[in-house]
PDB file of N, CA and C in Angstrom:
ATOM      1  N   MET A   1      -5.722 -10.907  17.959  1.00  0.00           N
ATOM      2  CA  MET A   1      -5.893  -9.904  16.948  1.00  0.00           C
ATOM      3  C   MET A   1      -5.352 -10.362  15.588  1.00  0.00           C
ATOM      4  N   GLU A   2      -6.182 -10.324  14.653  1.00  0.00           N
ATOM      5  CA  GLU A   2      -5.749 -10.698  13.203  1.00  0.00           C
ATOM      6  C   GLU A   2      -5.442  -9.490  12.363  1.00  0.00           C
ATOM      7  N   LEU A   3      -4.400  -9.698  11.593  1.00  0.00           N
ATOM      8  CA  LEU A   3      -3.923  -8.588  10.660  1.00  0.00           C
ATOM      9  C   LEU A   3      -4.635  -8.821   9.413  1.00  0.00           C
ATOM     10  N   ASP A   4      -4.885  -7.720   8.639  1.00  0.00           N
ATOM     11  CA  ASP A   4      -5.486  -7.794   7.358  1.00  0.00           C
ATOM     12  C   ASP A   4      -4.554  -8.328   6.300  1.00  0.00           C
ATOM     13  N   LYS A   5      -4.798  -9.487   5.741  1.00  0.00           N
ATOM     14  CA  LYS A   5      -3.845  -9.990   4.818  1.00  0.00           C
ATOM     15  C   LYS A   5      -3.670  -9.276   3.496  1.00  0.00           C
ATOM     16  N   LEU A   6      -4.651  -8.475   3.076  1.00  0.00           N
ATOM     17  CA  LEU A   6      -4.505  -7.607   1.981  1.00  0.00           C
ATOM     18  C   LEU A   6      -3.447  -6.649   2.226  1.00  0.00           C
ATOM     19  N   VAL A   7      -3.353  -5.983   3.443  1.00  0.00           N
ATOM     20  CA  VAL A   7      -2.445  -4.913   3.770  1.00  0.00           C
ATOM     21  C   VAL A   7      -1.068  -5.571   4.181  1.00  0.00           C
ATOM     22  N   HIS A   8      -1.155  -6.676   4.943  1.00  0.00           N
ATOM     23  CA  HIS A   8       0.069  -7.171   5.687  1.00  0.00           C
ATOM     24  C   HIS A   8       0.977  -8.010   4.728  1.00  0.00           C
ATOM     25  N   GLN A   9       0.519  -8.389   3.491  1.00  0.00           N
ATOM     26  CA  GLN A   9       1.463  -8.962   2.612  1.00  0.00           C
ATOM     27  C   GLN A   9       2.579  -8.055   2.228  1.00  0.00           C
ATOM     28  N   PRO A  10       3.796  -8.554   2.470  1.00  0.00           N
ATOM     29  CA  PRO A  10       4.992  -7.604   2.302  1.00  0.00           C
ATOM     30  C   PRO A  10       5.058  -6.674   1.170  1.00  0.00           C
ATOM     31  N   THR A  11       4.910  -7.103  -0.115  1.00  0.00           N
ATOM     32  CA  THR A  11       4.882  -6.200  -1.227  1.00  0.00           C
ATOM     33  C   THR A  11       3.735  -5.230  -1.064  1.00  0.00           C
ATOM     34  N   ARG A  12       2.553  -5.654  -0.881  1.00  0.00           N
ATOM     35  CA  ARG A  12       1.348  -4.754  -0.749  1.00  0.00           C
ATOM     36  C   ARG A  12       1.628  -3.743   0.409  1.00  0.00           C
ATOM     37  N   LEU A  13       2.279  -4.219   1.403  1.00  0.00           N
ATOM     38  CA  LEU A  13       2.508  -3.344   2.500  1.00  0.00           C
ATOM     39  C   LEU A  13       3.366  -2.184   2.023  1.00  0.00           C
ATOM     40  N   GLN A  14       4.424  -2.512   1.184  1.00  0.00           N
ATOM     41  CA  GLN A  14       5.307  -1.524   0.682  1.00  0.00           C
ATOM     42  C   GLN A  14       4.498  -0.555  -0.291  1.00  0.00           C
ATOM     43  N   ILE A  15       3.561  -1.151  -1.134  1.00  0.00           N
ATOM     44  CA  ILE A  15       2.821  -0.253  -1.954  1.00  0.00           C
ATOM     45  C   ILE A  15       1.852   0.721  -1.278  1.00  0.00           C
ATOM     46  N   PHE A  16       1.204   0.069  -0.271  1.00  0.00           N
ATOM     47  CA  PHE A  16       0.346   0.885   0.725  1.00  0.00           C
ATOM     48  C   PHE A  16       1.134   2.037   1.355  1.00  0.00           C
ATOM     49  N   THR A  17       2.372   1.755   1.830  1.00  0.00           N
ATOM     50  CA  THR A  17       3.193   2.742   2.586  1.00  0.00           C
ATOM     51  C   THR A  17       3.556   3.772   1.606  1.00  0.00           C
ATOM     52  N   HIS A  18       4.110   3.439   0.456  1.00  0.00           N
ATOM     53  CA  HIS A  18       4.534   4.470  -0.465  1.00  0.00           C
ATOM     54  C   HIS A  18       3.414   5.370  -0.991  1.00  0.00           C
ATOM     55  N   LEU A  19       2.321   4.752  -1.364  1.00  0.00           N
ATOM     56  CA  LEU A  19       1.226   5.508  -1.733  1.00  0.00           C
ATOM     57  C   LEU A  19       0.606   6.391  -0.664  1.00  0.00           C
ATOM     58  N   TYR A  20       0.540   5.984   0.540  1.00  0.00           N
ATOM     59  CA  TYR A  20       0.087   6.747   1.686  1.00  0.00           C
ATOM     60  C   TYR A  20       0.997   7.991   1.912  1.00  0.00           C
ATOM     61  N   ALA A  21       2.369   7.658   1.847  1.00  0.00           N
ATOM     62  CA  ALA A  21       3.356   8.665   2.136  1.00  0.00           C
ATOM     63  C   ALA A  21       3.403   9.730   0.973  1.00  0.00           C
ATOM     64  N   ASN A  22       3.241   9.210  -0.226  1.00  0.00           N
ATOM     65  CA  ASN A  22       3.767  10.133  -1.457  1.00  0.00           C
ATOM     66  C   ASN A  22       2.374  10.518  -2.280  1.00  0.00           C
ATOM     67  N   GLY A  23       1.317   9.962  -2.006  1.00  0.00           N
ATOM     68  CA  GLY A  23       0.039  10.243  -2.805  1.00  0.00           C
ATOM     69  C   GLY A  23       0.234   9.696  -4.206  1.00  0.00           C
ATOM     70  N   GLU A  24      -0.447  10.259  -5.204  1.00  0.00           N
ATOM     71  CA  GLU A  24      -0.447   9.895  -6.550  1.00  0.00           C
ATOM     72  C   GLU A  24       0.871   9.673  -7.042  1.00  0.00           C
ATOM     73  N   THR A  25       1.072   8.307  -7.645  1.00  0.00           N
ATOM     74  CA  THR A  25       2.388   7.880  -8.103  1.00  0.00           C
ATOM     75  C   THR A  25       2.325   7.197  -9.386  1.00  0.00           C
ATOM     76  N   THR A  26       3.187   7.395 -10.297  1.00  0.00           N
ATOM     77  CA  THR A  26       3.169   6.746 -11.609  1.00  0.00           C
ATOM     78  C   THR A  26       3.620   5.259 -11.526  1.00  0.00           C
ATOM     79  N   PHE A  27       3.262   4.508 -12.410  1.00  0.00           N
ATOM     80  CA  PHE A  27       3.612   3.079 -12.390  1.00  0.00           C
ATOM     81  C   PHE A  27       5.164   2.928 -12.361  1.00  0.00           C
ATOM     82  N   SER A  28       5.820   3.622 -13.277  1.00  0.00           N
ATOM     83  CA  SER A  28       7.225   3.551 -13.394  1.00  0.00           C
ATOM     84  C   SER A  28       7.948   3.979 -12.129  1.00  0.00           C
ATOM     85  N   ALA A  29       7.503   5.085 -11.525  1.00  0.00           N
ATOM     86  CA  ALA A  29       8.093   5.560 -10.355  1.00  0.00           C
ATOM     87  C   ALA A  29       7.872   4.662  -9.095  1.00  0.00           C
ATOM     88  N   LEU A  30       6.684   3.977  -9.085  1.00  0.00           N
ATOM     89  CA  LEU A  30       6.360   3.036  -7.965  1.00  0.00           C
ATOM     90  C   LEU A  30       7.234   1.757  -8.167  1.00  0.00           C
ATOM     91  N   ALA A  31       7.254   1.289  -9.330  1.00  0.00           N
ATOM     92  CA  ALA A  31       8.106   0.134  -9.674  1.00  0.00           C
ATOM     93  C   ALA A  31       9.599   0.341  -9.340  1.00  0.00           C
ATOM     94  N   SER A  32      10.082   1.480  -9.641  1.00  0.00           N
ATOM     95  CA  SER A  32      11.546   1.891  -9.431  1.00  0.00           C
ATOM     96  C   SER A  32      11.724   2.063  -7.921  1.00  0.00           C
ATOM     97  N   ALA A  33      10.787   2.791  -7.235  1.00  0.00           N
ATOM     98  CA  ALA A  33      10.982   3.036  -5.764  1.00  0.00           C
ATOM     99  C   ALA A  33      10.950   1.765  -4.988  1.00  0.00           C
ATOM    100  N   LEU A  34      10.169   0.777  -5.380  1.00  0.00           N
ATOM    101  CA  LEU A  34      10.155  -0.366  -4.524  1.00  0.00           C
ATOM    102  C   LEU A  34      10.880  -1.498  -5.188  1.00  0.00           C
ATOM    103  N   ASP A  35      11.567  -1.218  -6.221  1.00  0.00           N
ATOM    104  CA  ASP A  35      12.429  -2.299  -6.883  1.00  0.00           C
ATOM    105  C   ASP A  35      11.586  -3.483  -7.152  1.00  0.00           C
ATOM    106  N   LEU A  36      10.368  -3.356  -7.918  1.00  0.00           N
ATOM    107  CA  LEU A  36       9.565  -4.385  -8.185  1.00  0.00           C
ATOM    108  C   LEU A  36       9.473  -4.532  -9.756  1.00  0.00           C
ATOM    109  N   THR A  37       9.328  -5.829 -10.280  1.00  0.00           N
ATOM    110  CA  THR A  37       9.121  -6.007 -11.592  1.00  0.00           C
ATOM    111  C   THR A  37       7.774  -5.439 -12.030  1.00  0.00           C
ATOM    112  N   GLU A  38       7.548  -5.066 -13.365  1.00  0.00           N
ATOM    113  CA  GLU A  38       6.271  -4.571 -13.793  1.00  0.00           C
ATOM    114  C   GLU A  38       5.164  -5.740 -13.518  1.00  0.00           C
ATOM    115  N   GLY A  39       5.489  -6.926 -13.891  1.00  0.00           N
ATOM    116  CA  GLY A  39       4.479  -8.050 -13.622  1.00  0.00           C
ATOM    117  C   GLY A  39       4.025  -8.179 -12.122  1.00  0.00           C
ATOM    118  N   ASN A  40       5.106  -8.077 -11.296  1.00  0.00           N
ATOM    119  CA  ASN A  40       4.817  -8.202  -9.841  1.00  0.00           C
ATOM    120  C   ASN A  40       3.936  -7.072  -9.416  1.00  0.00           C
ATOM    121  N   LEU A  41       4.368  -5.739  -9.640  1.00  0.00           N
ATOM    122  CA  LEU A  41       3.626  -4.590  -9.233  1.00  0.00           C
ATOM    123  C   LEU A  41       2.127  -4.707  -9.892  1.00  0.00           C
ATOM    124  N   ALA A  42       2.032  -4.970 -11.188  1.00  0.00           N
ATOM    125  CA  ALA A  42       0.773  -5.013 -11.798  1.00  0.00           C
ATOM    126  C   ALA A  42      -0.279  -6.149 -11.000  1.00  0.00           C
ATOM    127  N   SER A  43       0.244  -7.311 -10.644  1.00  0.00           N
ATOM    128  CA  SER A  43      -0.612  -8.192 -10.044  1.00  0.00           C
ATOM    129  C   SER A  43      -1.093  -7.733  -8.657  1.00  0.00           C
ATOM    130  N   HIS A  44      -0.117  -7.071  -7.860  1.00  0.00           N
ATOM    131  CA  HIS A  44      -0.473  -6.501  -6.543  1.00  0.00           C
ATOM    132  C   HIS A  44      -1.467  -5.357  -6.630  1.00  0.00           C
ATOM    133  N   ILE A  45      -1.154  -4.453  -7.708  1.00  0.00           N
ATOM    134  CA  ILE A  45      -2.135  -3.380  -7.873  1.00  0.00           C
ATOM    135  C   ILE A  45      -3.458  -3.775  -8.221  1.00  0.00           C
ATOM    136  N   GLU A  46      -3.565  -4.888  -8.990  1.00  0.00           N
ATOM    137  CA  GLU A  46      -4.845  -5.483  -9.493  1.00  0.00           C
ATOM    138  C   GLU A  46      -5.691  -5.924  -8.301  1.00  0.00           C
ATOM    139  N   ARG A  47      -4.885  -6.589  -7.402  1.00  0.00           N
ATOM    140  CA  ARG A  47      -5.527  -7.077  -6.109  1.00  0.00           C
ATOM    141  C   ARG A  47      -6.158  -5.940  -5.318  1.00  0.00           C
ATOM    142  N   MET A  48      -5.297  -4.943  -5.097  1.00  0.00           N
ATOM    143  CA  MET A  48      -5.613  -3.729  -4.324  1.00  0.00           C
ATOM    144  C   MET A  48      -6.853  -3.004  -4.996  1.00  0.00           C
ATOM    145  N   GLU A  49      -6.732  -2.945  -6.283  1.00  0.00           N
ATOM    146  CA  GLU A  49      -7.937  -2.268  -7.043  1.00  0.00           C
ATOM    147  C   GLU A  49      -9.211  -3.018  -7.044  1.00  0.00           C
ATOM    148  N   ASP A  50      -9.126  -4.366  -6.932  1.00  0.00           N
ATOM    149  CA  ASP A  50     -10.334  -5.353  -6.817  1.00  0.00           C
ATOM    150  C   ASP A  50     -10.992  -4.987  -5.383  1.00  0.00           C
ATOM    151  N   ALA A  51     -10.101  -4.676  -4.401  1.00  0.00           N
ATOM    152  CA  ALA A  51     -10.468  -4.514  -3.108  1.00  0.00           C
ATOM    153  C   ALA A  51     -10.939  -3.074  -2.853  1.00  0.00           C
ATOM    154  N   ASP A  52     -11.005  -2.329  -3.887  1.00  0.00           N
ATOM    155  CA  ASP A  52     -11.346  -0.807  -3.750  1.00  0.00           C
ATOM    156  C   ASP A  52     -10.342  -0.162  -2.875  1.00  0.00           C
ATOM    157  N   CYS A  53      -9.074  -0.435  -2.943  1.00  0.00           N
ATOM    158  CA  CYS A  53      -8.196   0.351  -2.063  1.00  0.00           C
ATOM    159  C   CYS A  53      -7.207   1.295  -2.920  1.00  0.00           C
ATOM    160  N   VAL A  54      -7.271   1.120  -4.197  1.00  0.00           N
ATOM    161  CA  VAL A  54      -6.391   2.051  -4.984  1.00  0.00           C
ATOM    162  C   VAL A  54      -7.225   2.420  -6.257  1.00  0.00           C
ATOM    163  N   THR A  55      -7.041   3.668  -6.749  1.00  0.00           N
ATOM    164  CA  THR A  55      -7.567   4.107  -8.022  1.00  0.00           C
ATOM    165  C   THR A  55      -6.411   4.060  -8.996  1.00  0.00           C
ATOM    166  N   VAL A  56      -6.887   3.646 -10.202  1.00  0.00           N
ATOM    167  CA  VAL A  56      -5.904   3.539 -11.317  1.00  0.00           C
ATOM    168  C   VAL A  56      -6.460   4.455 -12.323  1.00  0.00           C
ATOM    169  N   GLU A  57      -5.531   5.396 -12.831  1.00  0.00           N
ATOM    170  CA  GLU A  57      -5.847   6.371 -13.848  1.00  0.00           C
ATOM    171  C   GLU A  57      -4.920   6.286 -15.090  1.00  0.00           C
ATOM    172  N   LYS A  58      -5.463   5.944 -16.167  1.00  0.00           N
ATOM    173  CA  LYS A  58      -4.648   5.947 -17.441  1.00  0.00           C
ATOM    174  C   LYS A  58      -4.971   7.107 -18.274  1.00  0.00           C
ATOM    175  N   THR A  59      -3.846   7.888 -18.590  1.00  0.00           N
ATOM    176  CA  THR A  59      -3.931   8.976 -19.404  1.00  0.00           C
ATOM    177  C   THR A  59      -2.828   8.993 -20.498  1.00  0.00           C
ATOM    178  N   PHE A  60      -2.811  10.024 -21.358  1.00  0.00           N
ATOM    179  CA  PHE A  60      -1.738  10.080 -22.294  1.00  0.00           C
ATOM    180  C   PHE A  60      -1.099  11.417 -22.115  1.00  0.00           C
ATOM    181  N   VAL A  61       0.267  11.418 -22.016  1.00  0.00           N
ATOM    182  CA  VAL A  61       0.894  12.700 -21.835  1.00  0.00           C
ATOM    183  C   VAL A  61       2.080  12.627 -22.985  1.00  0.00           C
ATOM    184  N   ASP A  62       1.901  13.665 -23.722  1.00  0.00           N
ATOM    185  CA  ASP A  62       2.772  13.757 -25.042  1.00  0.00           C
ATOM    186  C   ASP A  62       2.655  12.494 -25.761  1.00  0.00           C
ATOM    187  N   ARG A  63       1.463  11.936 -26.092  1.00  0.00           N
ATOM    188  CA  ARG A  63       1.204  10.790 -26.772  1.00  0.00           C
ATOM    189  C   ARG A  63       1.675   9.427 -26.217  1.00  0.00           C
ATOM    190  N   LYS A  64       2.157   9.571 -25.031  1.00  0.00           N
ATOM    191  CA  LYS A  64       2.661   8.385 -24.318  1.00  0.00           C
ATOM    192  C   LYS A  64       1.666   7.993 -23.225  1.00  0.00           C
ATOM    193  N   PRO A  65       1.406   6.711 -23.008  1.00  0.00           N
ATOM    194  CA  PRO A  65       0.540   6.236 -21.892  1.00  0.00           C
ATOM    195  C   PRO A  65       1.150   6.497 -20.595  1.00  0.00           C
ATOM    196  N   ARG A  66       0.303   6.913 -19.579  1.00  0.00           N
ATOM    197  CA  ARG A  66       0.847   7.174 -18.299  1.00  0.00           C
ATOM    198  C   ARG A  66      -0.197   6.620 -17.348  1.00  0.00           C
ATOM    199  N   THR A  67       0.213   5.728 -16.386  1.00  0.00           N
ATOM    200  CA  THR A  67      -0.745   5.162 -15.545  1.00  0.00           C
ATOM    201  C   THR A  67      -0.192   5.655 -14.105  1.00  0.00           C
ATOM    202  N   THR A  68      -1.205   6.193 -13.357  1.00  0.00           N
ATOM    203  CA  THR A  68      -0.946   6.624 -11.976  1.00  0.00           C
ATOM    204  C   THR A  68      -1.898   5.913 -10.940  1.00  0.00           C
ATOM    205  N   TYR A  69      -1.396   5.821  -9.765  1.00  0.00           N
ATOM    206  CA  TYR A  69      -2.082   5.048  -8.677  1.00  0.00           C
ATOM    207  C   TYR A  69      -2.226   5.935  -7.458  1.00  0.00           C
ATOM    208  N   GLU A  70      -3.374   5.874  -6.877  1.00  0.00           N
ATOM    209  CA  GLU A  70      -3.599   6.571  -5.609  1.00  0.00           C
ATOM    210  C   GLU A  70      -4.523   5.841  -4.639  1.00  0.00           C
ATOM    211  N   LEU A  71      -4.180   5.787  -3.394  1.00  0.00           N
ATOM    212  CA  LEU A  71      -5.071   5.121  -2.432  1.00  0.00           C
ATOM    213  C   LEU A  71      -6.411   5.802  -2.405  1.00  0.00           C
ATOM    214  N   THR A  72      -7.430   4.933  -2.250  1.00  0.00           N
ATOM    215  CA  THR A  72      -8.823   5.411  -2.171  1.00  0.00           C
ATOM    216  C   THR A  72      -8.939   5.722  -0.628  1.00  0.00           C
ATOM    217  N   ASP A  73     -10.079   6.258  -0.213  1.00  0.00           N
ATOM    218  CA  ASP A  73     -10.401   6.544   1.176  1.00  0.00           C
ATOM    219  C   ASP A  73     -10.435   5.172   1.888  1.00  0.00           C
ATOM    220  N   ARG A  74     -10.922   4.186   1.340  1.00  0.00           N
ATOM    221  CA  ARG A  74     -10.943   2.806   1.937  1.00  0.00           C
ATOM    222  C   ARG A  74      -9.514   2.267   2.075  1.00  0.00           C
ATOM    223  N   GLY A  75      -8.620   2.542   1.050  1.00  0.00           N
ATOM    224  CA  GLY A  75      -7.327   2.132   1.204  1.00  0.00           C
ATOM    225  C   GLY A  75      -6.473   2.746   2.304  1.00  0.00           C
ATOM    226  N   GLU A  76      -6.726   4.016   2.386  1.00  0.00           N
ATOM    227  CA  GLU A  76      -6.070   4.844   3.476  1.00  0.00           C
ATOM    228  C   GLU A  76      -6.614   4.367   4.863  1.00  0.00           C
ATOM    229  N   ALA A  77      -7.945   4.056   4.963  1.00  0.00           N
ATOM    230  CA  ALA A  77      -8.467   3.605   6.220  1.00  0.00           C
ATOM    231  C   ALA A  77      -7.870   2.198   6.659  1.00  0.00           C
ATOM    232  N   LEU A  78      -7.805   1.253   5.662  1.00  0.00           N
ATOM    233  CA  LEU A  78      -7.341  -0.012   5.971  1.00  0.00           C
ATOM    234  C   LEU A  78      -5.786   0.068   6.327  1.00  0.00           C
ATOM    235  N   PHE A  79      -4.942   0.901   5.698  1.00  0.00           N
ATOM    236  CA  PHE A  79      -3.590   1.010   6.113  1.00  0.00           C
ATOM    237  C   PHE A  79      -3.500   1.694   7.435  1.00  0.00           C
ATOM    238  N   GLU A  80      -4.307   2.652   7.682  1.00  0.00           N
ATOM    239  CA  GLU A  80      -4.248   3.216   9.166  1.00  0.00           C
ATOM    240  C   GLU A  80      -4.624   2.320  10.158  1.00  0.00           C
ATOM    241  N   SER A  81      -5.604   1.501   9.856  1.00  0.00           N
ATOM    242  CA  SER A  81      -6.129   0.483  10.795  1.00  0.00           C
ATOM    243  C   SER A  81      -4.989  -0.626  11.122  1.00  0.00           C
ATOM    244  N   HIS A  82      -4.349  -0.989   9.912  1.00  0.00           N
ATOM    245  CA  HIS A  82      -3.185  -1.944  10.096  1.00  0.00           C
ATOM    246  C   HIS A  82      -2.127  -1.328  10.898  1.00  0.00           C
ATOM    247  N   ILE A  83      -1.685  -0.143  10.720  1.00  0.00           N
ATOM    248  CA  ILE A  83      -0.704   0.454  11.520  1.00  0.00           C
ATOM    249  C   ILE A  83      -1.105   0.460  12.988  1.00  0.00           C
ATOM    250  N   GLU A  84      -2.268   0.839  13.284  1.00  0.00           N
ATOM    251  CA  GLU A  84      -2.873   0.844  14.647  1.00  0.00           C
ATOM    252  C   GLU A  84      -2.804  -0.618  15.348  1.00  0.00           C
ATOM    253  N   SER A  85      -3.064  -1.549  14.494  1.00  0.00           N
ATOM    254  CA  SER A  85      -2.958  -2.971  14.997  1.00  0.00           C
ATOM    255  C   SER A  85      -1.577  -3.324  15.319  1.00  0.00           C
ATOM    256  N   LEU A  86      -0.671  -2.978  14.414  1.00  0.00           N
ATOM    257  CA  LEU A  86       0.781  -3.168  14.671  1.00  0.00           C
ATOM    258  C   LEU A  86       1.298  -2.513  16.026  1.00  0.00           C
ATOM    259  N   GLU A  87       0.823  -1.191  16.157  1.00  0.00           N
ATOM    260  CA  GLU A  87       1.246  -0.421  17.313  1.00  0.00           C
ATOM    261  C   GLU A  87       0.601  -1.076  18.592  1.00  0.00           C
ATOM    262  N   SER A  88      -0.580  -1.608  18.492  1.00  0.00           N
ATOM    263  CA  SER A  88      -1.140  -2.276  19.617  1.00  0.00           C
ATOM    264  C   SER A  88      -0.406  -3.494  19.980  1.00  0.00           C
ATOM    265  N   LEU A  89       0.082  -4.324  19.040  1.00  0.00           N
ATOM    266  CA  LEU A  89       0.842  -5.476  19.288  1.00  0.00           C
ATOM    267  C   LEU A  89       2.199  -5.070  19.885  1.00  0.00           C
ATOM    268  N   ILE A  90       2.798  -3.972  19.559  1.00  0.00           N
ATOM    269  CA  ILE A  90       4.019  -3.458  20.163  1.00  0.00           C
ATOM    270  C   ILE A  90       3.804  -3.158  21.604  1.00  0.00           C
ATOM    271  N   ASP A  91       2.697  -2.392  21.841  1.00  0.00           N
ATOM    272  CA  ASP A  91       2.276  -1.951  23.144  1.00  0.00           C
ATOM    273  C   ASP A  91       2.095  -3.219  24.148  1.00  0.00           C
ATOM    274  N   GLN A  92       1.446  -4.224  23.571  1.00  0.00           N
ATOM    275  CA  GLN A  92       1.209  -5.533  24.283  1.00  0.00           C
ATOM    276  C   GLN A  92       2.584  -6.176  24.639  1.00  0.00           C
ATOM    277  N   ILE A  93       3.496  -6.136  23.734  1.00  0.00           N
ATOM    278  CA  ILE A  93       4.814  -6.677  23.974  1.00  0.00           C
ATOM    279  C   ILE A  93       5.522  -5.943  25.051  1.00  0.00           C
ATOM    280  N   ASP A  94       5.523  -4.520  24.867  1.00  0.00           N
ATOM    281  CA  ASP A  94       6.151  -3.782  25.988  1.00  0.00           C
ATOM    282  C   ASP A  94       5.450  -3.867  27.339  1.00  0.00           C
ATOM    283  N   SER A  95       4.151  -4.159  27.370  1.00  0.00           N
ATOM    284  CA  SER A  95       3.536  -4.329  28.807  1.00  0.00           C
ATOM    285  C   SER A  95       3.905  -5.705  29.388  1.00  0.00           C
ATOM    286  N   ASP A  96       4.111  -6.650  28.390  1.00  0.00           N
ATOM    287  CA  ASP A  96       4.286  -8.007  28.901  1.00  0.00           C
ATOM    288  C   ASP A  96       5.742  -8.020  29.443  1.00  0.00           C
ATOM    289  N   ASP A  97       6.702  -7.365  28.864  1.00  0.00           N
ATOM    290  CA  ASP A  97       7.977  -7.500  29.359  1.00  0.00           C
ATOM    291  C   ASP A  97       8.293  -6.579  30.484  1.00  0.00           C
ATOM    292  N   GLY A  98       7.451  -5.868  30.875  1.00  0.00           N
ATOM    293  CA  GLY A  98       7.670  -4.797  31.971  1.00  0.00           C
ATOM    294  C   GLY A  98       8.360  -3.673  31.664  1.00  0.00           C
ATOM    295  N   SER A  99       8.760  -3.303  30.390  1.00  0.00           N
ATOM    296  CA  SER A  99       9.512  -2.149  30.073  1.00  0.00           C
ATOM    297  C   SER A  99       8.710  -0.931  29.844  1.00  0.00           C
ATOM    298  N   ALA A 100       7.430  -0.971  29.779  1.00  0.00           N
ATOM    299  CA  ALA A 100       6.554   0.003  29.615  1.00  0.00           C
ATOM    300  C   ALA A 100       6.359   0.921  30.830  1.00  0.00           C
TER     301      ALA A 100
END
């Protein structure tokens, strides 16, 4: 079984997990919640956006720029598939050691 490298990469897995659990999130809230630098977050978000896994919305609120992110249907499906793959691996380990 091969894991999807887009989702499995540790920082992106954190981003996928946060967006899946919390829905639409601002750039600053996401960077703060995951303790990421702005540059690191931006590069990972760009990769996810290029893969059609996240939508990026830029607006102005009280004349200040506000960027929000949300998983696309494809992003949610990839994340759910990744979790299923991990659960399957765990099940295989449990079956192999006789503890299941």
